Each structure stands twice: as C-alpha cells, then as structure tokens.
Amino acid sequence: MTDSDHNAMDYLEDIEDISGGAQGEMQIEQTMKVVEERWSAIDFTVVSYRDSKDRFIITDIEDLVT
C-alpha cells in the first residue's frame, strides 16, 4: 500500500452500518413492491363514512388482511 491508498479498515464500523441500513431499505422496497402487486389485483369495496361525501371506509377486508 502506498500513502495515497485509503484504509477501509479504519472505517469498517461505518461501512457496516451504512451497508446494513442499505440492505434494510432494499428489503422494505422489495416488500412494498410485492404488496403493491398484490393490492393492484384486489377490488376494494368502499362505502361512505357516516353520510360523508368525501370520506369512505373499506368493507370486506378479509382478502386484505390475508
């Protein structure tokens, strides 16, 4: 090694923290993609909430919970 080489070992803990965080974010993104794909195939049934014109609730949530 020369003086101009960077010693990654000096930053090992930081690198591990950043890598672990990135892996966690990747897992969340992959999980969200699966959820979006599954939900896109579900037809939600909604009804007005207490006679409101702009608020709704989802009914028949068995498929959603499953």
PDB file of N, CA and C in Angstrom:
ATOM      1  N   MET A   1       0.831  -1.194   0.000  1.00  0.00           N
ATOM      2  CA  MET A   1       0.000   0.000   0.000  1.00  0.00           C
ATOM      3  C   MET A   1       0.864   1.243   0.000  1.00  0.00           C
ATOM      4  N   THR A   2       0.342   2.224  -0.617  1.00  0.00           N
ATOM      5  CA  THR A   2       1.059   3.488  -0.634  1.00  0.00           C
ATOM      6  C   THR A   2       0.338   4.471   0.273  1.00  0.00           C
ATOM      7  N   ASP A   3       0.949   5.599   0.512  1.00  0.00           N
ATOM      8  CA  ASP A   3       0.337   6.621   1.357  1.00  0.00           C
ATOM      9  C   ASP A   3      -0.974   7.135   0.773  1.00  0.00           C
ATOM     10  N   SER A   4      -1.143   7.037  -0.542  1.00  0.00           N
ATOM     11  CA  SER A   4      -2.363   7.548  -1.163  1.00  0.00           C
ATOM     12  C   SER A   4      -3.522   6.550  -1.086  1.00  0.00           C
ATOM     13  N   ASP A   5      -3.258   5.284  -0.698  1.00  0.00           N
ATOM     14  CA  ASP A   5      -4.323   4.294  -0.561  1.00  0.00           C
ATOM     15  C   ASP A   5      -5.193   4.639   0.647  1.00  0.00           C
ATOM     16  N   HIS A   6      -6.495   4.393   0.504  1.00  0.00           N
ATOM     17  CA  HIS A   6      -7.419   4.607   1.617  1.00  0.00           C
ATOM     18  C   HIS A   6      -7.525   3.313   2.399  1.00  0.00           C
ATOM     19  N   ASN A   7      -7.463   3.423   3.699  1.00  0.00           N
ATOM     20  CA  ASN A   7      -7.540   2.245   4.541  1.00  0.00           C
ATOM     21  C   ASN A   7      -8.988   2.051   4.980  1.00  0.00           C
ATOM     22  N   ALA A   8      -9.697   1.209   4.245  1.00  0.00           N
ATOM     23  CA  ALA A   8     -11.112   0.961   4.523  1.00  0.00           C
ATOM     24  C   ALA A   8     -11.303   0.364   5.911  1.00  0.00           C
ATOM     25  N   MET A   9     -10.325  -0.340   6.381  1.00  0.00           N
ATOM     26  CA  MET A   9     -10.436  -0.964   7.706  1.00  0.00           C
ATOM     27  C   MET A   9     -10.611   0.088   8.807  1.00  0.00           C
ATOM     28  N   ASP A  10     -10.118   1.283   8.582  1.00  0.00           N
ATOM     29  CA  ASP A  10     -10.292   2.359   9.558  1.00  0.00           C
ATOM     30  C   ASP A  10     -11.756   2.782   9.667  1.00  0.00           C
ATOM     31  N   TYR A  11     -12.525   2.467   8.638  1.00  0.00           N
ATOM     32  CA  TYR A  11     -13.928   2.882   8.582  1.00  0.00           C
ATOM     33  C   TYR A  11     -14.876   1.684   8.579  1.00  0.00           C
ATOM     34  N   LEU A  12     -14.378   0.536   9.025  1.00  0.00           N
ATOM     35  CA  LEU A  12     -15.142  -0.704   8.948  1.00  0.00           C
ATOM     36  C   LEU A  12     -16.502  -0.595   9.626  1.00  0.00           C
ATOM     37  N   GLU A  13     -16.561  -0.039  10.816  1.00  0.00           N
ATOM     38  CA  GLU A  13     -17.830   0.070  11.547  1.00  0.00           C
ATOM     39  C   GLU A  13     -18.817   0.960  10.785  1.00  0.00           C
ATOM     40  N   ASP A  14     -18.342   2.076  10.258  1.00  0.00           N
ATOM     41  CA  ASP A  14     -19.204   2.966   9.479  1.00  0.00           C
ATOM     42  C   ASP A  14     -19.708   2.267   8.217  1.00  0.00           C
ATOM     43  N   ILE A  15     -18.816   1.555   7.551  1.00  0.00           N
ATOM     44  CA  ILE A  15     -19.185   0.838   6.331  1.00  0.00           C
ATOM     45  C   ILE A  15     -20.236  -0.227   6.633  1.00  0.00           C
ATOM     46  N   GLU A  16     -20.053  -0.958   7.737  1.00  0.00           N
ATOM     47  CA  GLU A  16     -21.026  -1.982   8.129  1.00  0.00           C
ATOM     48  C   GLU A  16     -22.381  -1.362   8.445  1.00  0.00           C
ATOM     49  N   ASP A  17     -22.393  -0.219   9.141  1.00  0.00           N
ATOM     50  CA  ASP A  17     -23.647   0.465   9.476  1.00  0.00           C
ATOM     51  C   ASP A  17     -24.371   0.916   8.211  1.00  0.00           C
ATOM     52  N   ILE A  18     -23.639   1.526   7.300  1.00  0.00           N
ATOM     53  CA  ILE A  18     -24.237   2.008   6.050  1.00  0.00           C
ATOM     54  C   ILE A  18     -24.743   0.833   5.217  1.00  0.00           C
ATOM     55  N   SER A  19     -23.954  -0.213   5.135  1.00  0.00           N
ATOM     56  CA  SER A  19     -24.340  -1.395   4.369  1.00  0.00           C
ATOM     57  C   SER A  19     -25.583  -2.043   4.961  1.00  0.00           C
ATOM     58  N   GLY A  20     -25.628  -2.173   6.275  1.00  0.00           N
ATOM     59  CA  GLY A  20     -26.793  -2.758   6.937  1.00  0.00           C
ATOM     60  C   GLY A  20     -28.043  -1.925   6.710  1.00  0.00           C
ATOM     61  N   GLY A  21     -27.900  -0.610   6.780  1.00  0.00           N
ATOM     62  CA  GLY A  21     -29.030   0.274   6.513  1.00  0.00           C
ATOM     63  C   GLY A  21     -29.526   0.147   5.086  1.00  0.00           C
ATOM     64  N   ALA A  22     -28.598   0.058   4.155  1.00  0.00           N
ATOM     65  CA  ALA A  22     -28.957  -0.068   2.737  1.00  0.00           C
ATOM     66  C   ALA A  22     -29.669  -1.395   2.479  1.00  0.00           C
ATOM     67  N   GLN A  23     -29.197  -2.456   3.112  1.00  0.00           N
ATOM     68  CA  GLN A  23     -29.844  -3.754   2.939  1.00  0.00           C
ATOM     69  C   GLN A  23     -31.261  -3.722   3.506  1.00  0.00           C
ATOM     70  N   GLY A  24     -31.431  -3.073   4.649  1.00  0.00           N
ATOM     71  CA  GLY A  24     -32.756  -2.943   5.242  1.00  0.00           C
ATOM     72  C   GLY A  24     -33.697  -2.167   4.340  1.00  0.00           C
ATOM     73  N   GLU A  25     -33.211  -1.076   3.756  1.00  0.00           N
ATOM     74  CA  GLU A  25     -34.024  -0.278   2.835  1.00  0.00           C
ATOM     75  C   GLU A  25     -34.406  -1.092   1.602  1.00  0.00           C
ATOM     76  N   MET A  26     -33.471  -1.888   1.104  1.00  0.00           N
ATOM     77  CA  MET A  26     -33.753  -2.719  -0.070  1.00  0.00           C
ATOM     78  C   MET A  26     -34.857  -3.736   0.249  1.00  0.00           C
ATOM     79  N   GLN A  27     -34.805  -4.335   1.432  1.00  0.00           N
ATOM     80  CA  GLN A  27     -35.835  -5.295   1.825  1.00  0.00           C
ATOM     81  C   GLN A  27     -37.200  -4.619   1.911  1.00  0.00           C
ATOM     82  N   ILE A  28     -37.240  -3.425   2.475  1.00  0.00           N
ATOM     83  CA  ILE A  28     -38.503  -2.686   2.577  1.00  0.00           C
ATOM     84  C   ILE A  28     -39.053  -2.385   1.187  1.00  0.00           C
ATOM     85  N   GLU A  29     -38.186  -1.930   0.283  1.00  0.00           N
ATOM     86  CA  GLU A  29     -38.622  -1.620  -1.080  1.00  0.00           C
ATOM     87  C   GLU A  29     -39.152  -2.863  -1.791  1.00  0.00           C
ATOM     88  N   GLN A  30     -38.493  -4.005  -1.604  1.00  0.00           N
ATOM     89  CA  GLN A  30     -38.943  -5.242  -2.232  1.00  0.00           C
ATOM     90  C   GLN A  30     -40.283  -5.679  -1.655  1.00  0.00           C
ATOM     91  N   THR A  31     -40.441  -5.562  -0.351  1.00  0.00           N
ATOM     92  CA  THR A  31     -41.696  -5.926   0.294  1.00  0.00           C
ATOM     93  C   THR A  31     -42.824  -5.019  -0.181  1.00  0.00           C
ATOM     94  N   MET A  32     -42.552  -3.730  -0.286  1.00  0.00           N
ATOM     95  CA  MET A  32     -43.562  -2.788  -0.752  1.00  0.00           C
ATOM     96  C   MET A  32     -43.981  -3.102  -2.194  1.00  0.00           C
ATOM     97  N   LYS A  33     -43.037  -3.521  -3.008  1.00  0.00           N
ATOM     98  CA  LYS A  33     -43.354  -3.877  -4.397  1.00  0.00           C
ATOM     99  C   LYS A  33     -44.303  -5.071  -4.433  1.00  0.00           C
ATOM    100  N   VAL A  34     -44.049  -6.070  -3.594  1.00  0.00           N
ATOM    101  CA  VAL A  34     -44.921  -7.245  -3.527  1.00  0.00           C
ATOM    102  C   VAL A  34     -46.312  -6.837  -3.050  1.00  0.00           C
ATOM    103  N   VAL A  35     -46.384  -5.981  -2.037  1.00  0.00           N
ATOM    104  CA  VAL A  35     -47.671  -5.515  -1.520  1.00  0.00           C
ATOM    105  C   VAL A  35     -48.428  -4.752  -2.610  1.00  0.00           C
ATOM    106  N   GLU A  36     -47.744  -3.864  -3.307  1.00  0.00           N
ATOM    107  CA  GLU A  36     -48.383  -3.106  -4.388  1.00  0.00           C
ATOM    108  C   GLU A  36     -48.918  -4.032  -5.477  1.00  0.00           C
ATOM    109  N   GLU A  37     -48.151  -5.060  -5.831  1.00  0.00           N
ATOM    110  CA  GLU A  37     -48.586  -6.003  -6.864  1.00  0.00           C
ATOM    111  C   GLU A  37     -49.832  -6.766  -6.410  1.00  0.00           C
ATOM    112  N   ARG A  38     -49.830  -7.208  -5.158  1.00  0.00           N
ATOM    113  CA  ARG A  38     -50.987  -7.953  -4.646  1.00  0.00           C
ATOM    114  C   ARG A  38     -52.217  -7.055  -4.532  1.00  0.00           C
ATOM    115  N   TRP A  39     -52.020  -5.845  -4.039  1.00  0.00           N
ATOM    116  CA  TRP A  39     -53.151  -4.940  -3.862  1.00  0.00           C
ATOM    117  C   TRP A  39     -53.716  -4.477  -5.191  1.00  0.00           C
ATOM    118  N   SER A  40     -52.889  -4.411  -6.228  1.00  0.00           N
ATOM    119  CA  SER A  40     -53.393  -3.960  -7.525  1.00  0.00           C
ATOM    120  C   SER A  40     -54.402  -4.954  -8.095  1.00  0.00           C
ATOM    121  N   ALA A  41     -54.356  -6.188  -7.640  1.00  0.00           N
ATOM    122  CA  ALA A  41     -55.274  -7.215  -8.118  1.00  0.00           C
ATOM    123  C   ALA A  41     -56.547  -7.296  -7.285  1.00  0.00           C
ATOM    124  N   ILE A  42     -56.638  -6.510  -6.224  1.00  0.00           N
ATOM    125  CA  ILE A  42     -57.795  -6.558  -5.324  1.00  0.00           C
ATOM    126  C   ILE A  42     -58.732  -5.397  -5.632  1.00  0.00           C
ATOM    127  N   ASP A  43     -60.002  -5.715  -5.741  1.00  0.00           N
ATOM    128  CA  ASP A  43     -61.016  -4.678  -5.879  1.00  0.00           C
ATOM    129  C   ASP A  43     -61.540  -4.352  -4.483  1.00  0.00           C
ATOM    130  N   PHE A  44     -61.307  -3.127  -4.051  1.00  0.00           N
ATOM    131  CA  PHE A  44     -61.763  -2.711  -2.734  1.00  0.00           C
ATOM    132  C   PHE A  44     -63.211  -2.230  -2.813  1.00  0.00           C
ATOM    133  N   THR A  45     -64.003  -2.655  -1.859  1.00  0.00           N
ATOM    134  CA  THR A  45     -65.367  -2.171  -1.752  1.00  0.00           C
ATOM    135  C   THR A  45     -65.381  -1.094  -0.682  1.00  0.00           C
ATOM    136  N   VAL A  46     -65.837   0.093  -1.056  1.00  0.00           N
ATOM    137  CA  VAL A  46     -65.877   1.204  -0.109  1.00  0.00           C
ATOM    138  C   VAL A  46     -67.300   1.718   0.028  1.00  0.00           C
ATOM    139  N   VAL A  47     -67.599   2.234   1.200  1.00  0.00           N
ATOM    140  CA  VAL A  47     -68.896   2.856   1.463  1.00  0.00           C
ATOM    141  C   VAL A  47     -68.649   4.200   2.122  1.00  0.00           C
ATOM    142  N   SER A  48     -69.607   5.074   1.994  1.00  0.00           N
ATOM    143  CA  SER A  48     -69.489   6.403   2.616  1.00  0.00           C
ATOM    144  C   SER A  48     -69.406   6.254   4.129  1.00  0.00           C
ATOM    145  N   TYR A  49     -68.619   7.099   4.721  1.00  0.00           N
ATOM    146  CA  TYR A  49     -68.453   7.107   6.166  1.00  0.00           C
ATOM    147  C   TYR A  49     -69.416   8.120   6.766  1.00  0.00           C
ATOM    148  N   ARG A  50     -70.370   7.626   7.506  1.00  0.00           N
ATOM    149  CA  ARG A  50     -71.346   8.468   8.211  1.00  0.00           C
ATOM    150  C   ARG A  50     -71.947   9.554   7.319  1.00  0.00           C
ATOM    151  N   ASP A  51     -72.486   9.161   6.216  1.00  0.00           N
ATOM    152  CA  ASP A  51     -73.157  10.085   5.287  1.00  0.00           C
ATOM    153  C   ASP A  51     -72.231  11.184   4.755  1.00  0.00           C
ATOM    154  N   SER A  52     -70.943  10.981   4.827  1.00  0.00           N
ATOM    155  CA  SER A  52     -69.997  11.960   4.307  1.00  0.00           C
ATOM    156  C   SER A  52     -69.815  11.727   2.812  1.00  0.00           C
ATOM    157  N   LYS A  53     -69.647  12.801   2.055  1.00  0.00           N
ATOM    158  CA  LYS A  53     -69.460  12.682   0.614  1.00  0.00           C
ATOM    159  C   LYS A  53     -68.000  12.493   0.228  1.00  0.00           C
ATOM    160  N   ASP A  54     -67.088  12.814   1.131  1.00  0.00           N
ATOM    161  CA  ASP A  54     -65.674  12.733   0.766  1.00  0.00           C
ATOM    162  C   ASP A  54     -64.852  11.841   1.695  1.00  0.00           C
ATOM    163  N   ARG A  55     -65.530  11.051   2.516  1.00  0.00           N
ATOM    164  CA  ARG A  55     -64.822  10.093   3.387  1.00  0.00           C
ATOM    165  C   ARG A  55     -65.446   8.720   3.210  1.00  0.00           C
ATOM    166  N   PHE A  56     -64.561   7.733   3.105  1.00  0.00           N
ATOM    167  CA  PHE A  56     -65.025   6.386   2.838  1.00  0.00           C
ATOM    168  C   PHE A  56     -64.307   5.396   3.752  1.00  0.00           C
ATOM    169  N   ILE A  57     -64.921   4.234   3.920  1.00  0.00           N
ATOM    170  CA  ILE A  57     -64.269   3.139   4.644  1.00  0.00           C
ATOM    171  C   ILE A  57     -64.266   1.910   3.732  1.00  0.00           C
ATOM    172  N   ILE A  58     -63.267   1.082   3.921  1.00  0.00           N
ATOM    173  CA  ILE A  58     -63.145  -0.140   3.136  1.00  0.00           C
ATOM    174  C   ILE A  58     -63.937  -1.229   3.846  1.00  0.00           C
ATOM    175  N   THR A  59     -64.793  -1.929   3.097  1.00  0.00           N
ATOM    176  CA  THR A  59     -65.530  -3.061   3.657  1.00  0.00           C
ATOM    177  C   THR A  59     -64.936  -4.342   3.075  1.00  0.00           C
ATOM    178  N   ASP A  60     -65.371  -5.467   3.573  1.00  0.00           N
ATOM    179  CA  ASP A  60     -64.868  -6.763   3.107  1.00  0.00           C
ATOM    180  C   ASP A  60     -63.342  -6.785   3.084  1.00  0.00           C
ATOM    181  N   ILE A  61     -62.741  -6.720   4.255  1.00  0.00           N
ATOM    182  CA  ILE A  61     -61.282  -6.652   4.331  1.00  0.00           C
ATOM    183  C   ILE A  61     -60.617  -7.999   4.534  1.00  0.00           C
ATOM    184  N   GLU A  62     -61.373  -9.085   4.439  1.00  0.00           N
ATOM    185  CA  GLU A  62     -60.784 -10.413   4.650  1.00  0.00           C
ATOM    186  C   GLU A  62     -59.616 -10.683   3.704  1.00  0.00           C
ATOM    187  N   ASP A  63     -59.800 -10.392   2.414  1.00  0.00           N
ATOM    188  CA  ASP A  63     -58.721 -10.605   1.440  1.00  0.00           C
ATOM    189  C   ASP A  63     -57.526  -9.702   1.758  1.00  0.00           C
ATOM    190  N   LEU A  64     -57.814  -8.499   2.192  1.00  0.00           N
ATOM    191  CA  LEU A  64     -56.751  -7.551   2.512  1.00  0.00           C
ATOM    192  C   LEU A  64     -55.929  -8.035   3.708  1.00  0.00           C
ATOM    193  N   VAL A  65     -56.612  -8.504   4.733  1.00  0.00           N
ATOM    194  CA  VAL A  65     -55.926  -8.985   5.939  1.00  0.00           C
ATOM    195  C   VAL A  65     -55.116 -10.238   5.634  1.00  0.00           C
ATOM    196  N   THR A  66     -55.682 -11.108   4.815  1.00  0.00           N
ATOM    197  CA  THR A  66     -54.986 -12.338   4.432  1.00  0.00           C
ATOM    198  C   THR A  66     -53.732 -11.998   3.673  1.00  0.00           C
TER     199      THR A  66
END
